[in-house]
Amino acid sequence: MRIASVIGLPPENVARYEELHANVWPGVLERLRASHITNYSIYRHGDLLFSYFEYSGDDYDADSAAIAADPTTQEWWAVCEPLQRPLEDRADGEWWKQLPEVFHLD
């Protein structure tokens, strides 16, 4: 499964956000790997962040819940989320707006 999403990043938060992501906390990375997340990338274009990752597990909902329940990840989100600006047209319950895939070359 491939997941792409987008969120806003105000210009005044770019330096701090990029600084944090240049050295992501090891516990956050460990939890992502344990939840079968691979090839995770975040790109920036102006005031937008675009993320992409691949999921290789068998139960995405359970693995996502494990990430959300992880105390280190919760601390990480508490630092990063105030820097972000969710898009108004995201679905209920989304922080990052998930994007539909319209093309894939395998």
PDB file of N, CA and C in Angstrom:
ATOM      1  N   MET A   1       0.853  -1.165   0.000  1.00  0.00           N
ATOM      2  CA  MET A   1       0.000   0.000   0.000  1.00  0.00           C
ATOM      3  C   MET A   1       0.902   1.232   0.000  1.00  0.00           C
ATOM      4  N   ARG A   2       0.570   2.191  -0.836  1.00  0.00           N
ATOM      5  CA  ARG A   2       1.299   3.464  -0.897  1.00  0.00           C
ATOM      6  C   ARG A   2       0.364   4.567  -0.389  1.00  0.00           C
ATOM      7  N   ILE A   3       0.906   5.431   0.453  1.00  0.00           N
ATOM      8  CA  ILE A   3       0.118   6.512   1.051  1.00  0.00           C
ATOM      9  C   ILE A   3       0.817   7.833   0.763  1.00  0.00           C
ATOM     10  N   ALA A   4       0.076   8.789   0.227  1.00  0.00           N
ATOM     11  CA  ALA A   4       0.588  10.142   0.002  1.00  0.00           C
ATOM     12  C   ALA A   4      -0.367  11.108   0.698  1.00  0.00           C
ATOM     13  N   SER A   5       0.217  12.150   1.271  1.00  0.00           N
ATOM     14  CA  SER A   5      -0.617  13.141   1.944  1.00  0.00           C
ATOM     15  C   SER A   5       0.067  14.497   1.914  1.00  0.00           C
ATOM     16  N   VAL A   6      -0.712  15.530   2.255  1.00  0.00           N
ATOM     17  CA  VAL A   6      -0.223  16.900   2.188  1.00  0.00           C
ATOM     18  C   VAL A   6      -0.733  17.680   3.400  1.00  0.00           C
ATOM     19  N   ILE A   7       0.063  18.680   3.812  1.00  0.00           N
ATOM     20  CA  ILE A   7      -0.318  19.558   4.921  1.00  0.00           C
ATOM     21  C   ILE A   7       0.399  20.891   4.711  1.00  0.00           C
ATOM     22  N   GLY A   8      -0.123  21.937   5.298  1.00  0.00           N
ATOM     23  CA  GLY A   8       0.507  23.238   5.196  1.00  0.00           C
ATOM     24  C   GLY A   8       1.660  23.406   6.180  1.00  0.00           C
ATOM     25  N   LEU A   9       2.604  24.267   5.810  1.00  0.00           N
ATOM     26  CA  LEU A   9       3.730  24.618   6.672  1.00  0.00           C
ATOM     27  C   LEU A   9       4.003  26.101   6.490  1.00  0.00           C
ATOM     28  N   PRO A  10       3.570  26.922   7.441  1.00  0.00           N
ATOM     29  CA  PRO A  10       3.789  28.360   7.318  1.00  0.00           C
ATOM     30  C   PRO A  10       5.286  28.682   7.190  1.00  0.00           C
ATOM     31  N   PRO A  11       5.616  29.702   6.401  1.00  0.00           N
ATOM     32  CA  PRO A  11       7.022  30.053   6.168  1.00  0.00           C
ATOM     33  C   PRO A  11       7.838  30.253   7.448  1.00  0.00           C
ATOM     34  N   GLU A  12       7.223  30.795   8.473  1.00  0.00           N
ATOM     35  CA  GLU A  12       7.956  31.043   9.711  1.00  0.00           C
ATOM     36  C   GLU A  12       8.331  29.749  10.454  1.00  0.00           C
ATOM     37  N   ASN A  13       7.768  28.610  10.031  1.00  0.00           N
ATOM     38  CA  ASN A  13       8.049  27.338  10.694  1.00  0.00           C
ATOM     39  C   ASN A  13       8.971  26.420   9.893  1.00  0.00           C
ATOM     40  N   VAL A  14       9.353  26.836   8.686  1.00  0.00           N
ATOM     41  CA  VAL A  14      10.145  25.972   7.809  1.00  0.00           C
ATOM     42  C   VAL A  14      11.465  25.563   8.456  1.00  0.00           C
ATOM     43  N   ALA A  15      12.236  26.506   8.953  1.00  0.00           N
ATOM     44  CA  ALA A  15      13.562  26.190   9.498  1.00  0.00           C
ATOM     45  C   ALA A  15      13.459  25.199  10.650  1.00  0.00           C
ATOM     46  N   ARG A  16      12.555  25.420  11.573  1.00  0.00           N
ATOM     47  CA  ARG A  16      12.415  24.516  12.725  1.00  0.00           C
ATOM     48  C   ARG A  16      11.954  23.131  12.282  1.00  0.00           C
ATOM     49  N   TYR A  17      10.991  23.072  11.383  1.00  0.00           N
ATOM     50  CA  TYR A  17      10.475  21.786  10.911  1.00  0.00           C
ATOM     51  C   TYR A  17      11.582  20.988  10.216  1.00  0.00           C
ATOM     52  N   GLU A  18      12.337  21.647   9.365  1.00  0.00           N
ATOM     53  CA  GLU A  18      13.411  20.951   8.655  1.00  0.00           C
ATOM     54  C   GLU A  18      14.533  20.548   9.610  1.00  0.00           C
ATOM     55  N   GLU A  19      14.803  21.367  10.608  1.00  0.00           N
ATOM     56  CA  GLU A  19      15.795  21.017  11.628  1.00  0.00           C
ATOM     57  C   GLU A  19      15.372  19.750  12.375  1.00  0.00           C
ATOM     58  N   LEU A  20      14.112  19.684  12.786  1.00  0.00           N
ATOM     59  CA  LEU A  20      13.610  18.500  13.482  1.00  0.00           C
ATOM     60  C   LEU A  20      13.731  17.245  12.615  1.00  0.00           C
ATOM     61  N   HIS A  21      13.398  17.382  11.347  1.00  0.00           N
ATOM     62  CA  HIS A  21      13.385  16.212  10.469  1.00  0.00           C
ATOM     63  C   HIS A  21      14.766  15.832   9.938  1.00  0.00           C
ATOM     64  N   ALA A  22      15.742  16.666  10.159  1.00  0.00           N
ATOM     65  CA  ALA A  22      17.114  16.284   9.826  1.00  0.00           C
ATOM     66  C   ALA A  22      17.648  15.289  10.853  1.00  0.00           C
ATOM     67  N   ASN A  23      17.007  15.240  12.023  1.00  0.00           N
ATOM     68  CA  ASN A  23      17.418  14.343  13.106  1.00  0.00           C
ATOM     69  C   ASN A  23      16.187  13.792  13.818  1.00  0.00           C
ATOM     70  N   VAL A  24      15.395  12.998  13.105  1.00  0.00           N
ATOM     71  CA  VAL A  24      14.191  12.424  13.711  1.00  0.00           C
ATOM     72  C   VAL A  24      14.596  11.532  14.886  1.00  0.00           C
ATOM     73  N   TRP A  25      13.841  11.599  15.950  1.00  0.00           N
ATOM     74  CA  TRP A  25      14.137  10.835  17.155  1.00  0.00           C
ATOM     75  C   TRP A  25      14.175   9.339  16.847  1.00  0.00           C
ATOM     76  N   PRO A  26      15.179   8.625  17.317  1.00  0.00           N
ATOM     77  CA  PRO A  26      15.299   7.185  17.033  1.00  0.00           C
ATOM     78  C   PRO A  26      14.068   6.371  17.418  1.00  0.00           C
ATOM     79  N   GLY A  27      13.433   6.697  18.537  1.00  0.00           N
ATOM     80  CA  GLY A  27      12.237   5.956  18.943  1.00  0.00           C
ATOM     81  C   GLY A  27      11.085   6.096  17.967  1.00  0.00           C
ATOM     82  N   VAL A  28      10.976   7.255  17.339  1.00  0.00           N
ATOM     83  CA  VAL A  28       9.934   7.470  16.324  1.00  0.00           C
ATOM     84  C   VAL A  28      10.214   6.587  15.113  1.00  0.00           C
ATOM     85  N   LEU A  29      11.462   6.560  14.686  1.00  0.00           N
ATOM     86  CA  LEU A  29      11.836   5.729  13.530  1.00  0.00           C
ATOM     87  C   LEU A  29      11.628   4.244  13.825  1.00  0.00           C
ATOM     88  N   GLU A  30      11.982   3.821  15.029  1.00  0.00           N
ATOM     89  CA  GLU A  30      11.792   2.419  15.413  1.00  0.00           C
ATOM     90  C   GLU A  30      10.324   2.033  15.369  1.00  0.00           C
ATOM     91  N   ARG A  31       9.448   2.905  15.880  1.00  0.00           N
ATOM     92  CA  ARG A  31       8.017   2.607  15.885  1.00  0.00           C
ATOM     93  C   ARG A  31       7.477   2.523  14.462  1.00  0.00           C
ATOM     94  N   LEU A  32       7.914   3.423  13.587  1.00  0.00           N
ATOM     95  CA  LEU A  32       7.465   3.374  12.200  1.00  0.00           C
ATOM     96  C   LEU A  32       7.866   2.057  11.547  1.00  0.00           C
ATOM     97  N   ARG A  33       9.123   1.662  11.751  1.00  0.00           N
ATOM     98  CA  ARG A  33       9.590   0.396  11.169  1.00  0.00           C
ATOM     99  C   ARG A  33       8.815  -0.795  11.740  1.00  0.00           C
ATOM    100  N   ALA A  34       8.577  -0.786  13.050  1.00  0.00           N
ATOM    101  CA  ALA A  34       7.833  -1.877  13.685  1.00  0.00           C
ATOM    102  C   ALA A  34       6.404  -1.958  13.158  1.00  0.00           C
ATOM    103  N   SER A  35       5.886  -0.846  12.674  1.00  0.00           N
ATOM    104  CA  SER A  35       4.529  -0.800  12.110  1.00  0.00           C
ATOM    105  C   SER A  35       4.536  -0.943  10.592  1.00  0.00           C
ATOM    106  N   HIS A  36       5.631  -1.460  10.052  1.00  0.00           N
ATOM    107  CA  HIS A  36       5.723  -1.811   8.628  1.00  0.00           C
ATOM    108  C   HIS A  36       5.672  -0.615   7.686  1.00  0.00           C
ATOM    109  N   ILE A  37       6.173   0.534   8.139  1.00  0.00           N
ATOM    110  CA  ILE A  37       6.261   1.729   7.303  1.00  0.00           C
ATOM    111  C   ILE A  37       7.665   1.778   6.704  1.00  0.00           C
ATOM    112  N   THR A  38       7.750   1.893   5.385  1.00  0.00           N
ATOM    113  CA  THR A  38       9.035   1.983   4.694  1.00  0.00           C
ATOM    114  C   THR A  38       8.976   3.085   3.652  1.00  0.00           C
ATOM    115  N   ASN A  39      10.145   3.425   3.124  1.00  0.00           N
ATOM    116  CA  ASN A  39      10.242   4.431   2.056  1.00  0.00           C
ATOM    117  C   ASN A  39       9.478   5.709   2.401  1.00  0.00           C
ATOM    118  N   TYR A  40       9.605   6.155   3.645  1.00  0.00           N
ATOM    119  CA  TYR A  40       8.904   7.349   4.110  1.00  0.00           C
ATOM    120  C   TYR A  40       9.728   8.577   3.732  1.00  0.00           C
ATOM    121  N   SER A  41       9.119   9.475   3.000  1.00  0.00           N
ATOM    122  CA  SER A  41       9.764  10.720   2.594  1.00  0.00           C
ATOM    123  C   SER A  41       8.797  11.877   2.816  1.00  0.00           C
ATOM    124  N   ILE A  42       9.360  13.043   3.153  1.00  0.00           N
ATOM    125  CA  ILE A  42       8.582  14.278   3.219  1.00  0.00           C
ATOM    126  C   ILE A  42       9.300  15.296   2.350  1.00  0.00           C
ATOM    127  N   TYR A  43       8.547  15.938   1.473  1.00  0.00           N
ATOM    128  CA  TYR A  43       9.070  16.966   0.582  1.00  0.00           C
ATOM    129  C   TYR A  43       8.374  18.277   0.911  1.00  0.00           C
ATOM    130  N   ARG A  44       9.045  19.379   0.618  1.00  0.00           N
ATOM    131  CA  ARG A  44       8.439  20.697   0.816  1.00  0.00           C
ATOM    132  C   ARG A  44       8.426  21.458  -0.493  1.00  0.00           C
ATOM    133  N   HIS A  45       7.283  22.079  -0.767  1.00  0.00           N
ATOM    134  CA  HIS A  45       7.140  22.997  -1.896  1.00  0.00           C
ATOM    135  C   HIS A  45       6.446  24.242  -1.360  1.00  0.00           C
ATOM    136  N   GLY A  46       7.227  25.315  -1.214  1.00  0.00           N
ATOM    137  CA  GLY A  46       6.653  26.540  -0.662  1.00  0.00           C
ATOM    138  C   GLY A  46       6.099  26.281   0.729  1.00  0.00           C
ATOM    139  N   ASP A  47       4.807  26.522   0.900  1.00  0.00           N
ATOM    140  CA  ASP A  47       4.189  26.342   2.213  1.00  0.00           C
ATOM    141  C   ASP A  47       3.414  25.028   2.323  1.00  0.00           C
ATOM    142  N   LEU A  48       3.780  24.054   1.477  1.00  0.00           N
ATOM    143  CA  LEU A  48       3.148  22.737   1.548  1.00  0.00           C
ATOM    144  C   LEU A  48       4.183  21.656   1.799  1.00  0.00           C
ATOM    145  N   LEU A  49       3.808  20.695   2.638  1.00  0.00           N
ATOM    146  CA  LEU A  49       4.596  19.486   2.828  1.00  0.00           C
ATOM    147  C   LEU A  49       3.851  18.338   2.152  1.00  0.00           C
ATOM    148  N   PHE A  50       4.593  17.511   1.454  1.00  0.00           N
ATOM    149  CA  PHE A  50       4.047  16.330   0.796  1.00  0.00           C
ATOM    150  C   PHE A  50       4.759  15.123   1.381  1.00  0.00           C
ATOM    151  N   SER A  51       4.011  14.149   1.895  1.00  0.00           N
ATOM    152  CA  SER A  51       4.632  12.945   2.433  1.00  0.00           C
ATOM    153  C   SER A  51       4.216  11.732   1.614  1.00  0.00           C
ATOM    154  N   TYR A  52       5.115  10.769   1.602  1.00  0.00           N
ATOM    155  CA  TYR A  52       4.874   9.517   0.899  1.00  0.00           C
ATOM    156  C   TYR A  52       5.504   8.397   1.711  1.00  0.00           C
ATOM    157  N   PHE A  53       4.771   7.303   1.882  1.00  0.00           N
ATOM    158  CA  PHE A  53       5.359   6.106   2.483  1.00  0.00           C
ATOM    159  C   PHE A  53       4.665   4.873   1.949  1.00  0.00           C
ATOM    160  N   GLU A  54       5.311   3.756   2.192  1.00  0.00           N
ATOM    161  CA  GLU A  54       4.754   2.476   1.787  1.00  0.00           C
ATOM    162  C   GLU A  54       4.487   1.653   3.035  1.00  0.00           C
ATOM    163  N   TYR A  55       3.391   0.920   3.015  1.00  0.00           N
ATOM    164  CA  TYR A  55       2.999   0.057   4.120  1.00  0.00           C
ATOM    165  C   TYR A  55       3.028  -1.383   3.631  1.00  0.00           C
ATOM    166  N   SER A  56       3.750  -2.244   4.378  1.00  0.00           N
ATOM    167  CA  SER A  56       3.907  -3.632   3.941  1.00  0.00           C
ATOM    168  C   SER A  56       3.317  -4.644   4.920  1.00  0.00           C
ATOM    169  N   GLY A  57       2.571  -4.190   5.902  1.00  0.00           N
ATOM    170  CA  GLY A  57       1.980  -5.104   6.877  1.00  0.00           C
ATOM    171  C   GLY A  57       0.647  -5.676   6.419  1.00  0.00           C
ATOM    172  N   ASP A  58      -0.041  -6.323   7.357  1.00  0.00           N
ATOM    173  CA  ASP A  58      -1.321  -6.970   7.061  1.00  0.00           C
ATOM    174  C   ASP A  58      -2.525  -6.276   7.687  1.00  0.00           C
ATOM    175  N   ASP A  59      -2.275  -5.335   8.608  1.00  0.00           N
ATOM    176  CA  ASP A  59      -3.377  -4.670   9.305  1.00  0.00           C
ATOM    177  C   ASP A  59      -3.009  -3.197   9.514  1.00  0.00           C
ATOM    178  N   TYR A  60      -3.289  -2.399   8.502  1.00  0.00           N
ATOM    179  CA  TYR A  60      -2.908  -0.990   8.527  1.00  0.00           C
ATOM    180  C   TYR A  60      -3.535  -0.251   9.710  1.00  0.00           C
ATOM    181  N   ASP A  61      -4.803  -0.538   9.992  1.00  0.00           N
ATOM    182  CA  ASP A  61      -5.474   0.155  11.093  1.00  0.00           C
ATOM    183  C   ASP A  61      -4.805  -0.149  12.431  1.00  0.00           C
ATOM    184  N   ALA A  62      -4.467  -1.408  12.682  1.00  0.00           N
ATOM    185  CA  ALA A  62      -3.807  -1.777  13.944  1.00  0.00           C
ATOM    186  C   ALA A  62      -2.410  -1.182  14.025  1.00  0.00           C
ATOM    187  N   ASP A  63      -1.670  -1.206  12.928  1.00  0.00           N
ATOM    188  CA  ASP A  63      -0.324  -0.633  12.937  1.00  0.00           C
ATOM    189  C   ASP A  63      -0.371   0.878  13.103  1.00  0.00           C
ATOM    190  N   SER A  64      -1.343   1.529  12.494  1.00  0.00           N
ATOM    191  CA  SER A  64      -1.506   2.981  12.684  1.00  0.00           C
ATOM    192  C   SER A  64      -1.864   3.299  14.128  1.00  0.00           C
ATOM    193  N   ALA A  65      -2.711   2.468  14.729  1.00  0.00           N
ATOM    194  CA  ALA A  65      -3.081   2.670  16.137  1.00  0.00           C
ATOM    195  C   ALA A  65      -1.869   2.492  17.049  1.00  0.00           C
ATOM    196  N   ALA A  66      -0.988   1.544  16.722  1.00  0.00           N
ATOM    197  CA  ALA A  66       0.222   1.336  17.519  1.00  0.00           C
ATOM    198  C   ALA A  66       1.138   2.558  17.443  1.00  0.00           C
ATOM    199  N   ILE A  67       1.231   3.155  16.273  1.00  0.00           N
ATOM    200  CA  ILE A  67       2.020   4.384  16.121  1.00  0.00           C
ATOM    201  C   ILE A  67       1.405   5.481  16.982  1.00  0.00           C
ATOM    202  N   ALA A  68       0.092   5.662  16.876  1.00  0.00           N
ATOM    203  CA  ALA A  68      -0.587   6.728  17.618  1.00  0.00           C
ATOM    204  C   ALA A  68      -0.515   6.520  19.130  1.00  0.00           C
ATOM    205  N   ALA A  69      -0.424   5.284  19.597  1.00  0.00           N
ATOM    206  CA  ALA A  69      -0.373   4.993  21.029  1.00  0.00           C
ATOM    207  C   ALA A  69       1.039   5.071  21.604  1.00  0.00           C
ATOM    208  N   ASP A  70       2.039   5.148  20.762  1.00  0.00           N
ATOM    209  CA  ASP A  70       3.431   5.148  21.204  1.00  0.00           C
ATOM    210  C   ASP A  70       3.771   6.467  21.908  1.00  0.00           C
ATOM    211  N   PRO A  71       4.236   6.425  23.157  1.00  0.00           N
ATOM    212  CA  PRO A  71       4.524   7.663  23.904  1.00  0.00           C
ATOM    213  C   PRO A  71       5.579   8.554  23.236  1.00  0.00           C
ATOM    214  N   THR A  72       6.617   7.959  22.670  1.00  0.00           N
ATOM    215  CA  THR A  72       7.645   8.767  22.010  1.00  0.00           C
ATOM    216  C   THR A  72       7.076   9.461  20.783  1.00  0.00           C
ATOM    217  N   THR A  73       6.267   8.741  20.021  1.00  0.00           N
ATOM    218  CA  THR A  73       5.626   9.350  18.850  1.00  0.00           C
ATOM    219  C   THR A  73       4.679  10.460  19.272  1.00  0.00           C
ATOM    220  N   GLN A  74       3.960  10.272  20.357  1.00  0.00           N
ATOM    221  CA  GLN A  74       3.066  11.325  20.854  1.00  0.00           C
ATOM    222  C   GLN A  74       3.852  12.576  21.234  1.00  0.00           C
ATOM    223  N   GLU A  75       5.013  12.403  21.851  1.00  0.00           N
ATOM    224  CA  GLU A  75       5.866  13.555  22.182  1.00  0.00           C
ATOM    225  C   GLU A  75       6.353  14.245  20.915  1.00  0.00           C
ATOM    226  N   TRP A  76       6.754  13.452  19.912  1.00  0.00           N
ATOM    227  CA  TRP A  76       7.214  13.981  18.624  1.00  0.00           C
ATOM    228  C   TRP A  76       6.114  14.805  17.968  1.00  0.00           C
ATOM    229  N   TRP A  77       4.915  14.258  17.940  1.00  0.00           N
ATOM    230  CA  TRP A  77       3.785  14.981  17.352  1.00  0.00           C
ATOM    231  C   TRP A  77       3.518  16.278  18.101  1.00  0.00           C
ATOM    232  N   ALA A  78       3.670  16.266  19.428  1.00  0.00           N
ATOM    233  CA  ALA A  78       3.432  17.480  20.218  1.00  0.00           C
ATOM    234  C   ALA A  78       4.405  18.586  19.848  1.00  0.00           C
ATOM    235  N   VAL A  79       5.591  18.214  19.387  1.00  0.00           N
ATOM    236  CA  VAL A  79       6.582  19.198  18.937  1.00  0.00           C
ATOM    237  C   VAL A  79       6.305  19.644  17.503  1.00  0.00           C
ATOM    238  N   CYS A  80       5.960  18.687  16.641  1.00  0.00           N
ATOM    239  CA  CYS A  80       5.822  18.980  15.201  1.00  0.00           C
ATOM    240  C   CYS A  80       4.465  19.567  14.807  1.00  0.00           C
ATOM    241  N   GLU A  81       3.394  19.085  15.408  1.00  0.00           N
ATOM    242  CA  GLU A  81       2.063  19.507  14.964  1.00  0.00           C
ATOM    243  C   GLU A  81       1.809  21.006  15.071  1.00  0.00           C
ATOM    244  N   PRO A  82       2.288  21.702  16.101  1.00  0.00           N
ATOM    245  CA  PRO A  82       2.047  23.151  16.150  1.00  0.00           C
ATOM    246  C   PRO A  82       2.705  23.912  14.992  1.00  0.00           C
ATOM    247  N   LEU A  83       3.675  23.302  14.348  1.00  0.00           N
ATOM    248  CA  LEU A  83       4.340  23.942  13.213  1.00  0.00           C
ATOM    249  C   LEU A  83       3.534  23.801  11.925  1.00  0.00           C
ATOM    250  N   GLN A  84       2.656  22.821  11.883  1.00  0.00           N
ATOM    251  CA  GLN A  84       1.903  22.494  10.665  1.00  0.00           C
ATOM    252  C   GLN A  84       0.554  23.207  10.639  1.00  0.00           C
ATOM    253  N   ARG A  85      -0.018  23.308   9.444  1.00  0.00           N
ATOM    254  CA  ARG A  85      -1.358  23.865   9.259  1.00  0.00           C
ATOM    255  C   ARG A  85      -2.160  22.908   8.382  1.00  0.00           C
ATOM    256  N   PRO A  86      -3.070  22.122   9.002  1.00  0.00           N
ATOM    257  CA  PRO A  86      -3.886  21.196   8.213  1.00  0.00           C
ATOM    258  C   PRO A  86      -4.713  21.939   7.165  1.00  0.00           C
ATOM    259  N   LEU A  87      -4.934  21.286   6.051  1.00  0.00           N
ATOM    260  CA  LEU A  87      -5.728  21.879   4.986  1.00  0.00           C
ATOM    261  C   LEU A  87      -7.211  21.819   5.340  1.00  0.00           C
ATOM    262  N   GLU A  88      -7.940  22.835   4.947  1.00  0.00           N
ATOM    263  CA  GLU A  88      -9.355  22.920   5.295  1.00  0.00           C
ATOM    264  C   GLU A  88     -10.193  21.813   4.673  1.00  0.00           C
ATOM    265  N   ASP A  89      -9.777  21.294   3.514  1.00  0.00           N
ATOM    266  CA  ASP A  89     -10.588  20.298   2.820  1.00  0.00           C
ATOM    267  C   ASP A  89     -10.207  18.850   3.160  1.00  0.00           C
ATOM    268  N   ARG A  90      -9.498  18.646   4.277  1.00  0.00           N
ATOM    269  CA  ARG A  90      -9.144  17.287   4.672  1.00  0.00           C
ATOM    270  C   ARG A  90     -10.394  16.572   5.192  1.00  0.00           C
ATOM    271  N   ALA A  91     -10.349  15.252   5.189  1.00  0.00           N
ATOM    272  CA  ALA A  91     -11.473  14.459   5.688  1.00  0.00           C
ATOM    273  C   ALA A  91     -11.554  14.539   7.205  1.00  0.00           C
ATOM    274  N   ASP A  92     -12.726  14.276   7.739  1.00  0.00           N
ATOM    275  CA  ASP A  92     -12.895  14.244   9.200  1.00  0.00           C
ATOM    276  C   ASP A  92     -11.907  13.252   9.797  1.00  0.00           C
ATOM    277  N   GLY A  93     -11.232  13.666  10.847  1.00  0.00           N
ATOM    278  CA  GLY A  93     -10.285  12.799  11.520  1.00  0.00           C
ATOM    279  C   GLY A  93      -8.875  12.820  10.951  1.00  0.00           C
ATOM    280  N   GLU A  94      -8.671  13.469   9.811  1.00  0.00           N
ATOM    281  CA  GLU A  94      -7.335  13.549   9.221  1.00  0.00           C
ATOM    282  C   GLU A  94      -6.590  14.761   9.764  1.00  0.00           C
ATOM    283  N   TRP A  95      -5.289  14.613   9.958  1.00  0.00           N
ATOM    284  CA  TRP A  95      -4.416  15.757  10.223  1.00  0.00           C
ATOM    285  C   TRP A  95      -3.758  16.119   8.907  1.00  0.00           C
ATOM    286  N   TRP A  96      -3.020  15.176   8.327  1.00  0.00           N
ATOM    287  CA  TRP A  96      -2.506  15.323   6.960  1.00  0.00           C
ATOM    288  C   TRP A  96      -3.626  14.887   6.022  1.00  0.00           C
ATOM    289  N   LYS A  97      -3.865  15.632   4.961  1.00  0.00           N
ATOM    290  CA  LYS A  97      -4.891  15.274   3.976  1.00  0.00           C
ATOM    291  C   LYS A  97      -4.351  14.152   3.089  1.00  0.00           C
ATOM    292  N   GLN A  98      -5.023  13.003   3.119  1.00  0.00           N
ATOM    293  CA  GLN A  98      -4.601  11.893   2.276  1.00  0.00           C
ATOM    294  C   GLN A  98      -4.997  12.174   0.830  1.00  0.00           C
ATOM    295  N   LEU A  99      -4.084  11.842  -0.092  1.00  0.00           N
ATOM    296  CA  LEU A  99      -4.284  12.121  -1.503  1.00  0.00           C
ATOM    297  C   LEU A  99      -4.603  10.843  -2.275  1.00  0.00           C
ATOM    298  N   PRO A 100      -5.478  10.929  -3.264  1.00  0.00           N
ATOM    299  CA  PRO A 100      -5.765   9.749  -4.083  1.00  0.00           C
ATOM    300  C   PRO A 100      -4.637   9.524  -5.085  1.00  0.00           C
ATOM    301  N   GLU A 101      -4.330   8.281  -5.317  1.00  0.00           N
ATOM    302  CA  GLU A 101      -3.343   7.948  -6.343  1.00  0.00           C
ATOM    303  C   GLU A 101      -4.030   7.973  -7.696  1.00  0.00           C
ATOM    304  N   VAL A 102      -3.464   8.705  -8.643  1.00  0.00           N
ATOM    305  CA  VAL A 102      -4.036   8.781  -9.980  1.00  0.00           C
ATOM    306  C   VAL A 102      -3.171   8.115 -11.032  1.00  0.00           C
ATOM    307  N   PHE A 103      -1.929   7.774 -10.687  1.00  0.00           N
ATOM    308  CA  PHE A 103      -1.055   7.087 -11.623  1.00  0.00           C
ATOM    309  C   PHE A 103       0.043   6.382 -10.840  1.00  0.00           C
ATOM    310  N   HIS A 104       0.424   5.209 -11.324  1.00  0.00           N
ATOM    311  CA  HIS A 104       1.554   4.479 -10.749  1.00  0.00           C
ATOM    312  C   HIS A 104       2.195   3.623 -11.822  1.00  0.00           C
ATOM    313  N   LEU A 105       3.487   3.767 -12.004  1.00  0.00           N
ATOM    314  CA  LEU A 105       4.252   2.914 -12.916  1.00  0.00           C
ATOM    315  C   LEU A 105       5.005   1.913 -12.060  1.00  0.00           C
ATOM    316  N   ASP A 106       4.726   0.660 -12.251  1.00  0.00           N
ATOM    317  CA  ASP A 106       5.358  -0.386 -11.463  1.00  0.00           C
ATOM    318  C   ASP A 106       6.519  -1.003 -12.221  1.00  0.00           C
TER     319      ASP A 106
END
